Amino acid sequence: MKKVLLLLTAVCGLSASSFAQSSDGGKFSIGVEAGLPVGDLKNVSNFIIGGSLKYDHPIAEGTFITGSAGFSSIQGKEATTPFGTVKVGNTSVVPVKAGIKYFLAENFYGEAQAGAAFFTQSGGGTAFAYAPGIGYSFGGGLDAGVRYEAWTKNGSTLSQVGLRVGYSF
């Protein structure tokens, strides 16, 4: 866990220092995230909570390249099995994604990201992550978006419908 957090901090720090040297209007945002598990994941979890750091870099009018790194805690739940009730433990995921954001109207955008999701428990490994979504940029730096996010590994997929509320600076 400490190694993952150290890696995440290093990646964010290097990104911040490299992007800080550009003066073309790119913006960072920090946000809180919440998700409702769907598909197979809803059998072991009722809720996902976390946070993320994101950077939007303009490449054309209304079009941005994005990069994000976050931390998600999948909250385990009690599940009834033929052998009795079992408590599924919490697990954590560090998704790191890149993508594109396009403003469809003045403040309304569509976004697609792909990357990797690093599971923090021993033997959890890495999964392919993808997340299409939509969002709205409010005045004063506030941004809210809804997305479908999935993590795929060895033919299995864990997915959620997620909400991110962030503040740009």
N, C-alpha and C. Protein backbone atom coordinates (compact mmCIF):
# COMPACT_ATOMS: atom_id res chain seq x y z
N MET A 1 0.83 -1.19 0.00
CA MET A 1 0.00 0.00 0.00
C MET A 1 0.87 1.25 0.00
N LYS A 2 1.91 1.26 0.82
CA LYS A 2 2.80 2.42 0.88
C LYS A 2 3.50 2.64 -0.45
N LYS A 3 3.87 1.54 -1.12
CA LYS A 3 4.55 1.66 -2.41
C LYS A 3 3.62 2.27 -3.45
N VAL A 4 2.35 1.86 -3.45
CA VAL A 4 1.38 2.40 -4.41
C VAL A 4 1.17 3.89 -4.16
N LEU A 5 1.01 4.28 -2.90
CA LEU A 5 0.81 5.69 -2.59
C LEU A 5 2.05 6.52 -2.93
N LEU A 6 3.24 5.96 -2.71
CA LEU A 6 4.47 6.65 -3.08
C LEU A 6 4.56 6.82 -4.59
N LEU A 7 4.21 5.77 -5.34
CA LEU A 7 4.21 5.85 -6.80
C LEU A 7 3.22 6.90 -7.29
N LEU A 8 2.01 6.90 -6.73
CA LEU A 8 1.00 7.87 -7.10
C LEU A 8 1.47 9.29 -6.81
N THR A 9 2.08 9.52 -5.66
CA THR A 9 2.59 10.84 -5.30
C THR A 9 3.69 11.28 -6.26
N ALA A 10 4.59 10.36 -6.60
CA ALA A 10 5.68 10.69 -7.53
C ALA A 10 5.15 11.04 -8.92
N VAL A 11 4.19 10.26 -9.42
CA VAL A 11 3.61 10.54 -10.74
C VAL A 11 2.92 11.89 -10.75
N CYS A 12 2.14 12.17 -9.72
CA CYS A 12 1.44 13.46 -9.65
C CYS A 12 2.42 14.61 -9.54
N GLY A 13 3.48 14.44 -8.73
CA GLY A 13 4.49 15.49 -8.57
C GLY A 13 5.22 15.77 -9.86
N LEU A 14 5.63 14.72 -10.57
CA LEU A 14 6.31 14.92 -11.86
C LEU A 14 5.38 15.56 -12.88
N SER A 15 4.13 15.15 -12.89
CA SER A 15 3.16 15.75 -13.81
C SER A 15 2.97 17.23 -13.48
N ALA A 16 2.84 17.54 -12.21
CA ALA A 16 2.63 18.92 -11.80
C ALA A 16 3.80 19.79 -12.22
N SER A 17 5.03 19.31 -12.03
CA SER A 17 6.18 20.14 -12.37
C SER A 17 6.32 20.30 -13.88
N SER A 18 5.99 19.27 -14.65
CA SER A 18 6.11 19.41 -16.11
C SER A 18 5.01 20.29 -16.68
N PHE A 19 3.79 20.16 -16.15
CA PHE A 19 2.70 20.98 -16.67
C PHE A 19 2.77 22.41 -16.17
N ALA A 20 3.37 22.62 -15.02
CA ALA A 20 3.45 23.96 -14.46
C ALA A 20 4.29 24.88 -15.35
N GLN A 21 5.14 24.33 -16.19
CA GLN A 21 5.97 25.14 -17.06
C GLN A 21 5.25 25.60 -18.31
N SER A 22 4.06 25.04 -18.58
CA SER A 22 3.31 25.48 -19.76
C SER A 22 2.35 26.58 -19.36
N SER A 23 2.12 27.50 -20.28
CA SER A 23 1.25 28.64 -19.96
C SER A 23 0.08 28.71 -20.93
N ASP A 24 -0.39 27.58 -21.39
CA ASP A 24 -1.42 27.56 -22.41
C ASP A 24 -2.81 27.25 -21.88
N GLY A 25 -3.07 27.45 -20.62
CA GLY A 25 -4.42 27.32 -20.09
C GLY A 25 -4.80 25.96 -19.56
N GLY A 26 -3.87 25.03 -19.39
CA GLY A 26 -4.19 23.75 -18.78
C GLY A 26 -4.59 23.94 -17.33
N LYS A 27 -5.43 23.00 -16.81
CA LYS A 27 -5.89 23.13 -15.44
C LYS A 27 -5.86 21.80 -14.72
N PHE A 28 -5.51 21.88 -13.44
CA PHE A 28 -5.62 20.74 -12.55
C PHE A 28 -6.98 20.81 -11.86
N SER A 29 -7.47 19.66 -11.45
CA SER A 29 -8.64 19.63 -10.58
C SER A 29 -8.45 18.51 -9.56
N ILE A 30 -9.01 18.72 -8.41
CA ILE A 30 -9.01 17.71 -7.37
C ILE A 30 -10.48 17.41 -7.08
N GLY A 31 -10.79 16.13 -6.90
CA GLY A 31 -12.20 15.81 -6.74
C GLY A 31 -12.46 14.65 -5.81
N VAL A 32 -13.69 14.59 -5.35
CA VAL A 32 -14.18 13.47 -4.57
C VAL A 32 -15.04 12.63 -5.51
N GLU A 33 -14.95 11.30 -5.34
CA GLU A 33 -15.66 10.39 -6.23
C GLU A 33 -16.48 9.41 -5.42
N ALA A 34 -17.64 9.06 -5.96
CA ALA A 34 -18.50 8.04 -5.35
C ALA A 34 -19.05 7.18 -6.48
N GLY A 35 -19.21 5.90 -6.22
CA GLY A 35 -19.70 5.01 -7.25
C GLY A 35 -20.66 3.97 -6.73
N LEU A 36 -21.57 3.56 -7.62
CA LEU A 36 -22.48 2.46 -7.34
C LEU A 36 -22.06 1.28 -8.18
N PRO A 37 -21.67 0.17 -7.55
CA PRO A 37 -21.24 -1.00 -8.30
C PRO A 37 -22.37 -1.54 -9.18
N VAL A 38 -22.02 -2.02 -10.37
CA VAL A 38 -22.96 -2.67 -11.27
C VAL A 38 -22.34 -3.99 -11.73
N GLY A 39 -23.14 -4.84 -12.32
CA GLY A 39 -22.64 -6.14 -12.77
C GLY A 39 -22.23 -7.01 -11.61
N ASP A 40 -21.16 -7.80 -11.80
CA ASP A 40 -20.69 -8.72 -10.76
C ASP A 40 -20.24 -8.02 -9.49
N LEU A 41 -19.76 -6.79 -9.60
CA LEU A 41 -19.25 -6.07 -8.43
C LEU A 41 -20.36 -5.78 -7.41
N LYS A 42 -21.60 -5.63 -7.87
CA LYS A 42 -22.69 -5.34 -6.92
C LYS A 42 -22.99 -6.52 -6.00
N ASN A 43 -22.47 -7.72 -6.33
CA ASN A 43 -22.65 -8.87 -5.45
C ASN A 43 -21.79 -8.79 -4.20
N VAL A 44 -20.71 -8.02 -4.24
CA VAL A 44 -19.79 -7.95 -3.09
C VAL A 44 -19.63 -6.55 -2.52
N SER A 45 -20.25 -5.55 -3.16
CA SER A 45 -20.10 -4.18 -2.68
C SER A 45 -21.36 -3.37 -2.96
N ASN A 46 -21.66 -2.44 -2.05
CA ASN A 46 -22.78 -1.52 -2.25
C ASN A 46 -22.32 -0.12 -2.63
N PHE A 47 -21.02 0.18 -2.41
CA PHE A 47 -20.58 1.57 -2.55
C PHE A 47 -19.08 1.64 -2.77
N ILE A 48 -18.66 2.62 -3.56
CA ILE A 48 -17.24 2.90 -3.79
C ILE A 48 -17.02 4.38 -3.49
N ILE A 49 -15.97 4.69 -2.76
CA ILE A 49 -15.66 6.08 -2.41
C ILE A 49 -14.18 6.33 -2.68
N GLY A 50 -13.86 7.56 -3.07
CA GLY A 50 -12.45 7.86 -3.32
C GLY A 50 -12.24 9.31 -3.72
N GLY A 51 -11.08 9.54 -4.29
CA GLY A 51 -10.72 10.88 -4.74
C GLY A 51 -9.76 10.78 -5.90
N SER A 52 -9.57 11.92 -6.60
CA SER A 52 -8.67 11.90 -7.75
C SER A 52 -8.08 13.28 -8.01
N LEU A 53 -6.94 13.24 -8.72
CA LEU A 53 -6.29 14.43 -9.24
C LEU A 53 -6.32 14.30 -10.75
N LYS A 54 -6.70 15.38 -11.44
CA LYS A 54 -6.88 15.34 -12.89
C LYS A 54 -6.25 16.56 -13.53
N TYR A 55 -5.75 16.38 -14.75
CA TYR A 55 -5.21 17.51 -15.49
C TYR A 55 -5.85 17.52 -16.88
N ASP A 56 -6.30 18.70 -17.32
CA ASP A 56 -6.87 18.91 -18.66
C ASP A 56 -5.94 19.82 -19.43
N HIS A 57 -5.44 19.35 -20.56
CA HIS A 57 -4.52 20.12 -21.40
C HIS A 57 -5.18 20.43 -22.73
N PRO A 58 -5.38 21.72 -23.07
CA PRO A 58 -6.07 22.06 -24.32
C PRO A 58 -5.24 21.70 -25.56
N ILE A 59 -5.92 21.12 -26.57
CA ILE A 59 -5.25 20.79 -27.83
C ILE A 59 -5.93 21.45 -29.01
N ALA A 60 -7.18 21.86 -28.86
CA ALA A 60 -7.93 22.57 -29.89
C ALA A 60 -9.11 23.25 -29.20
N GLU A 61 -9.82 24.07 -29.93
CA GLU A 61 -10.98 24.77 -29.37
C GLU A 61 -11.98 23.75 -28.81
N GLY A 62 -12.21 23.78 -27.50
CA GLY A 62 -13.18 22.89 -26.86
C GLY A 62 -12.72 21.44 -26.70
N THR A 63 -11.45 21.15 -26.98
CA THR A 63 -10.94 19.77 -26.90
C THR A 63 -9.71 19.72 -26.00
N PHE A 64 -9.68 18.76 -25.12
CA PHE A 64 -8.62 18.62 -24.14
C PHE A 64 -8.13 17.18 -24.07
N ILE A 65 -6.83 17.02 -23.85
CA ILE A 65 -6.25 15.74 -23.48
C ILE A 65 -6.28 15.71 -21.95
N THR A 66 -6.69 14.58 -21.37
CA THR A 66 -6.81 14.49 -19.92
C THR A 66 -5.88 13.41 -19.36
N GLY A 67 -5.50 13.60 -18.13
CA GLY A 67 -4.75 12.59 -17.38
C GLY A 67 -5.25 12.61 -15.96
N SER A 68 -5.46 11.44 -15.38
CA SER A 68 -5.95 11.41 -14.00
C SER A 68 -5.36 10.23 -13.24
N ALA A 69 -5.26 10.41 -11.94
CA ALA A 69 -4.85 9.36 -11.02
C ALA A 69 -5.71 9.49 -9.78
N GLY A 70 -6.13 8.37 -9.24
CA GLY A 70 -7.02 8.44 -8.09
C GLY A 70 -6.83 7.29 -7.14
N PHE A 71 -7.71 7.24 -6.17
CA PHE A 71 -7.74 6.18 -5.19
C PHE A 71 -9.20 5.86 -4.92
N SER A 72 -9.58 4.59 -5.09
CA SER A 72 -10.96 4.16 -4.86
C SER A 72 -10.98 3.05 -3.83
N SER A 73 -11.86 3.17 -2.86
CA SER A 73 -12.05 2.13 -1.85
C SER A 73 -13.38 1.44 -2.12
N ILE A 74 -13.29 0.16 -2.47
CA ILE A 74 -14.50 -0.64 -2.72
C ILE A 74 -14.95 -1.17 -1.37
N GLN A 75 -16.11 -0.71 -0.93
CA GLN A 75 -16.63 -1.08 0.39
C GLN A 75 -17.32 -2.44 0.30
N GLY A 76 -16.75 -3.45 0.98
CA GLY A 76 -17.32 -4.80 0.98
C GLY A 76 -18.62 -4.85 1.76
N LYS A 77 -19.44 -5.85 1.45
CA LYS A 77 -20.71 -6.01 2.15
C LYS A 77 -20.87 -7.45 2.60
N GLU A 78 -21.90 -7.70 3.38
CA GLU A 78 -22.22 -9.06 3.78
C GLU A 78 -22.97 -9.73 2.64
N ALA A 79 -22.59 -10.97 2.36
CA ALA A 79 -23.24 -11.73 1.29
C ALA A 79 -23.71 -13.07 1.86
N THR A 80 -24.90 -13.46 1.47
CA THR A 80 -25.44 -14.74 1.90
C THR A 80 -25.05 -15.81 0.89
N THR A 81 -24.45 -16.87 1.37
CA THR A 81 -24.04 -17.99 0.52
C THR A 81 -24.71 -19.26 1.04
N PRO A 82 -24.62 -20.35 0.29
CA PRO A 82 -25.17 -21.62 0.80
C PRO A 82 -24.49 -22.07 2.10
N PHE A 83 -23.32 -21.48 2.40
CA PHE A 83 -22.56 -21.85 3.60
C PHE A 83 -22.73 -20.85 4.73
N GLY A 84 -23.64 -19.89 4.56
CA GLY A 84 -23.87 -18.89 5.59
C GLY A 84 -23.55 -17.50 5.09
N THR A 85 -23.63 -16.54 6.00
CA THR A 85 -23.35 -15.15 5.67
C THR A 85 -21.87 -14.87 5.87
N VAL A 86 -21.28 -14.24 4.86
CA VAL A 86 -19.86 -13.88 4.93
C VAL A 86 -19.72 -12.39 4.70
N LYS A 87 -18.76 -11.79 5.38
CA LYS A 87 -18.45 -10.37 5.19
C LYS A 87 -17.31 -10.27 4.19
N VAL A 88 -17.57 -9.58 3.08
CA VAL A 88 -16.54 -9.36 2.07
C VAL A 88 -15.76 -8.12 2.50
N GLY A 89 -14.45 -8.22 2.58
CA GLY A 89 -13.62 -7.11 3.02
C GLY A 89 -13.52 -5.99 2.00
N ASN A 90 -13.08 -4.84 2.47
CA ASN A 90 -12.85 -3.70 1.58
C ASN A 90 -11.57 -3.95 0.78
N THR A 91 -11.51 -3.38 -0.41
CA THR A 91 -10.29 -3.43 -1.21
C THR A 91 -10.10 -2.07 -1.87
N SER A 92 -8.88 -1.78 -2.26
CA SER A 92 -8.57 -0.47 -2.83
C SER A 92 -7.99 -0.62 -4.22
N VAL A 93 -8.26 0.39 -5.04
CA VAL A 93 -7.80 0.42 -6.42
C VAL A 93 -7.23 1.80 -6.71
N VAL A 94 -6.13 1.84 -7.45
CA VAL A 94 -5.53 3.10 -7.89
C VAL A 94 -5.66 3.15 -9.42
N PRO A 95 -6.70 3.82 -9.94
CA PRO A 95 -6.84 3.94 -11.39
C PRO A 95 -6.00 5.12 -11.92
N VAL A 96 -5.26 4.87 -12.99
CA VAL A 96 -4.46 5.89 -13.67
C VAL A 96 -4.89 5.85 -15.13
N LYS A 97 -5.45 6.98 -15.62
CA LYS A 97 -6.05 6.99 -16.96
C LYS A 97 -5.66 8.24 -17.74
N ALA A 98 -5.74 8.13 -19.05
CA ALA A 98 -5.56 9.26 -19.96
C ALA A 98 -6.72 9.23 -20.95
N GLY A 99 -7.05 10.38 -21.50
CA GLY A 99 -8.17 10.38 -22.44
C GLY A 99 -8.36 11.70 -23.13
N ILE A 100 -9.58 11.89 -23.61
CA ILE A 100 -9.94 13.10 -24.34
C ILE A 100 -11.28 13.62 -23.83
N LYS A 101 -11.38 14.93 -23.74
CA LYS A 101 -12.61 15.61 -23.30
C LYS A 101 -12.98 16.59 -24.40
N TYR A 102 -14.27 16.57 -24.80
CA TYR A 102 -14.74 17.47 -25.85
C TYR A 102 -16.01 18.17 -25.36
N PHE A 103 -16.00 19.50 -25.44
CA PHE A 103 -17.16 20.27 -25.03
C PHE A 103 -18.20 20.27 -26.15
N LEU A 104 -19.36 19.67 -25.87
CA LEU A 104 -20.45 19.55 -26.83
C LEU A 104 -21.28 20.83 -26.90
N ALA A 105 -21.33 21.55 -25.82
CA ALA A 105 -22.01 22.84 -25.71
C ALA A 105 -21.14 23.71 -24.80
N GLU A 106 -21.61 24.89 -24.46
CA GLU A 106 -20.77 25.84 -23.72
C GLU A 106 -20.11 25.23 -22.48
N ASN A 107 -20.86 24.57 -21.61
CA ASN A 107 -20.30 24.00 -20.39
C ASN A 107 -20.47 22.49 -20.29
N PHE A 108 -21.11 21.87 -21.25
CA PHE A 108 -21.43 20.45 -21.23
C PHE A 108 -20.41 19.67 -22.07
N TYR A 109 -19.84 18.60 -21.51
CA TYR A 109 -18.81 17.86 -22.24
C TYR A 109 -19.03 16.35 -22.20
N GLY A 110 -18.39 15.68 -23.16
CA GLY A 110 -18.29 14.23 -23.18
C GLY A 110 -16.82 13.89 -23.00
N GLU A 111 -16.55 12.75 -22.40
CA GLU A 111 -15.17 12.39 -22.09
C GLU A 111 -15.01 10.88 -22.19
N ALA A 112 -13.83 10.45 -22.64
CA ALA A 112 -13.49 9.02 -22.64
C ALA A 112 -12.05 8.88 -22.17
N GLN A 113 -11.83 7.96 -21.25
CA GLN A 113 -10.50 7.71 -20.71
C GLN A 113 -10.22 6.21 -20.71
N ALA A 114 -8.93 5.87 -20.78
CA ALA A 114 -8.49 4.48 -20.67
C ALA A 114 -7.14 4.46 -19.96
N GLY A 115 -6.82 3.34 -19.34
CA GLY A 115 -5.55 3.24 -18.63
C GLY A 115 -5.46 1.95 -17.87
N ALA A 116 -4.92 2.04 -16.65
CA ALA A 116 -4.71 0.86 -15.81
C ALA A 116 -5.27 1.10 -14.42
N ALA A 117 -5.76 0.01 -13.82
CA ALA A 117 -6.24 0.04 -12.44
C ALA A 117 -5.36 -0.92 -11.64
N PHE A 118 -4.68 -0.37 -10.64
CA PHE A 118 -3.77 -1.15 -9.81
C PHE A 118 -4.48 -1.52 -8.50
N PHE A 119 -4.69 -2.82 -8.29
CA PHE A 119 -5.32 -3.28 -7.06
C PHE A 119 -4.25 -3.37 -5.98
N THR A 120 -4.55 -2.83 -4.81
CA THR A 120 -3.52 -2.69 -3.78
C THR A 120 -3.32 -3.93 -2.91
N GLN A 121 -4.28 -4.84 -2.87
CA GLN A 121 -4.09 -6.02 -2.03
C GLN A 121 -3.08 -6.96 -2.68
N SER A 122 -2.44 -7.75 -1.87
CA SER A 122 -1.42 -8.69 -2.34
C SER A 122 -2.01 -9.62 -3.40
N GLY A 123 -1.36 -9.70 -4.55
CA GLY A 123 -1.82 -10.56 -5.63
C GLY A 123 -2.94 -9.98 -6.46
N GLY A 124 -3.35 -8.74 -6.17
CA GLY A 124 -4.47 -8.13 -6.89
C GLY A 124 -4.16 -7.81 -8.33
N GLY A 125 -2.92 -7.42 -8.60
CA GLY A 125 -2.50 -7.17 -9.96
C GLY A 125 -3.04 -5.90 -10.57
N THR A 126 -3.00 -5.88 -11.89
CA THR A 126 -3.38 -4.71 -12.67
C THR A 126 -4.45 -5.09 -13.68
N ALA A 127 -5.41 -4.20 -13.88
CA ALA A 127 -6.49 -4.43 -14.85
C ALA A 127 -6.52 -3.28 -15.86
N PHE A 128 -7.07 -3.55 -17.03
CA PHE A 128 -7.32 -2.50 -18.02
C PHE A 128 -8.52 -1.70 -17.56
N ALA A 129 -8.41 -0.38 -17.56
CA ALA A 129 -9.49 0.50 -17.11
C ALA A 129 -9.99 1.34 -18.27
N TYR A 130 -11.31 1.52 -18.34
CA TYR A 130 -11.88 2.44 -19.32
C TYR A 130 -13.11 3.11 -18.71
N ALA A 131 -13.33 4.37 -19.13
CA ALA A 131 -14.39 5.16 -18.50
C ALA A 131 -14.94 6.22 -19.45
N PRO A 132 -16.06 5.94 -20.14
CA PRO A 132 -16.75 7.00 -20.88
C PRO A 132 -17.69 7.75 -19.94
N GLY A 133 -17.86 9.05 -20.18
CA GLY A 133 -18.75 9.81 -19.31
C GLY A 133 -19.14 11.15 -19.87
N ILE A 134 -19.99 11.84 -19.13
CA ILE A 134 -20.44 13.19 -19.47
C ILE A 134 -20.29 14.06 -18.23
N GLY A 135 -20.23 15.38 -18.44
CA GLY A 135 -20.09 16.27 -17.30
C GLY A 135 -20.49 17.69 -17.63
N TYR A 136 -20.44 18.51 -16.60
CA TYR A 136 -20.81 19.92 -16.72
C TYR A 136 -19.84 20.75 -15.89
N SER A 137 -19.31 21.80 -16.49
CA SER A 137 -18.41 22.73 -15.79
C SER A 137 -19.21 23.94 -15.34
N PHE A 138 -19.32 24.10 -14.05
CA PHE A 138 -20.01 25.24 -13.46
C PHE A 138 -19.02 26.40 -13.34
N GLY A 139 -19.51 27.58 -13.07
CA GLY A 139 -18.64 28.72 -12.84
C GLY A 139 -17.85 28.57 -11.56
N GLY A 140 -16.73 29.28 -11.47
CA GLY A 140 -15.93 29.28 -10.25
C GLY A 140 -15.06 28.05 -10.07
N GLY A 141 -14.87 27.24 -11.12
CA GLY A 141 -14.00 26.08 -11.04
C GLY A 141 -14.67 24.77 -10.64
N LEU A 142 -15.96 24.80 -10.33
CA LEU A 142 -16.67 23.59 -9.94
C LEU A 142 -17.04 22.77 -11.17
N ASP A 143 -16.86 21.46 -11.08
CA ASP A 143 -17.12 20.55 -12.19
C ASP A 143 -17.77 19.29 -11.64
N ALA A 144 -18.76 18.74 -12.35
CA ALA A 144 -19.39 17.49 -11.95
C ALA A 144 -19.54 16.60 -13.17
N GLY A 145 -19.24 15.33 -13.00
CA GLY A 145 -19.34 14.39 -14.10
C GLY A 145 -19.85 13.03 -13.65
N VAL A 146 -20.52 12.34 -14.58
CA VAL A 146 -21.02 10.99 -14.35
C VAL A 146 -20.37 10.10 -15.40
N ARG A 147 -19.94 8.90 -14.99
CA ARG A 147 -19.28 8.01 -15.93
C ARG A 147 -19.60 6.56 -15.61
N TYR A 148 -19.41 5.72 -16.62
CA TYR A 148 -19.39 4.28 -16.43
C TYR A 148 -17.91 3.92 -16.43
N GLU A 149 -17.44 3.27 -15.38
CA GLU A 149 -16.03 2.88 -15.32
C GLU A 149 -15.93 1.38 -15.11
N ALA A 150 -15.06 0.74 -15.89
CA ALA A 150 -14.88 -0.70 -15.79
C ALA A 150 -13.41 -1.05 -15.71
N TRP A 151 -13.11 -2.11 -14.96
CA TRP A 151 -11.76 -2.64 -14.81
C TRP A 151 -11.82 -4.10 -15.27
N THR A 152 -11.07 -4.42 -16.32
CA THR A 152 -11.13 -5.74 -16.95
C THR A 152 -9.80 -6.46 -16.80
N LYS A 153 -9.89 -7.73 -16.36
CA LYS A 153 -8.69 -8.55 -16.19
C LYS A 153 -9.07 -10.02 -16.36
N ASN A 154 -8.33 -10.72 -17.20
CA ASN A 154 -8.52 -12.17 -17.41
C ASN A 154 -9.98 -12.54 -17.71
N GLY A 155 -10.65 -11.74 -18.53
CA GLY A 155 -12.03 -12.05 -18.91
C GLY A 155 -13.09 -11.65 -17.91
N SER A 156 -12.71 -11.11 -16.77
CA SER A 156 -13.67 -10.65 -15.77
C SER A 156 -13.67 -9.14 -15.73
N THR A 157 -14.84 -8.57 -15.47
CA THR A 157 -14.97 -7.12 -15.42
C THR A 157 -15.66 -6.69 -14.13
N LEU A 158 -15.08 -5.72 -13.45
CA LEU A 158 -15.69 -5.06 -12.30
C LEU A 158 -16.05 -3.67 -12.78
N SER A 159 -17.29 -3.23 -12.50
CA SER A 159 -17.70 -1.93 -13.04
C SER A 159 -18.57 -1.16 -12.05
N GLN A 160 -18.67 0.14 -12.34
CA GLN A 160 -19.44 1.04 -11.50
C GLN A 160 -20.00 2.18 -12.34
N VAL A 161 -21.03 2.81 -11.81
CA VAL A 161 -21.49 4.10 -12.31
C VAL A 161 -20.99 5.10 -11.29
N GLY A 162 -20.10 5.98 -11.73
CA GLY A 162 -19.42 6.87 -10.79
C GLY A 162 -19.80 8.33 -10.98
N LEU A 163 -19.69 9.08 -9.91
CA LEU A 163 -19.91 10.52 -9.89
C LEU A 163 -18.65 11.16 -9.36
N ARG A 164 -18.17 12.20 -10.07
CA ARG A 164 -17.02 12.96 -9.58
C ARG A 164 -17.41 14.42 -9.48
N VAL A 165 -17.15 15.01 -8.33
CA VAL A 165 -17.32 16.45 -8.14
C VAL A 165 -15.95 17.01 -7.84
N GLY A 166 -15.50 17.94 -8.68
CA GLY A 166 -14.15 18.44 -8.55
C GLY A 166 -14.07 19.96 -8.56
N TYR A 167 -12.92 20.44 -8.17
CA TYR A 167 -12.63 21.87 -8.17
C TYR A 167 -11.36 22.09 -9.00
N SER A 168 -11.46 22.93 -10.04
CA SER A 168 -10.32 23.23 -10.92
C SER A 168 -9.53 24.43 -10.41
N PHE A 169 -8.22 24.36 -10.59
CA PHE A 169 -7.35 25.48 -10.21
C PHE A 169 -6.22 25.60 -11.20
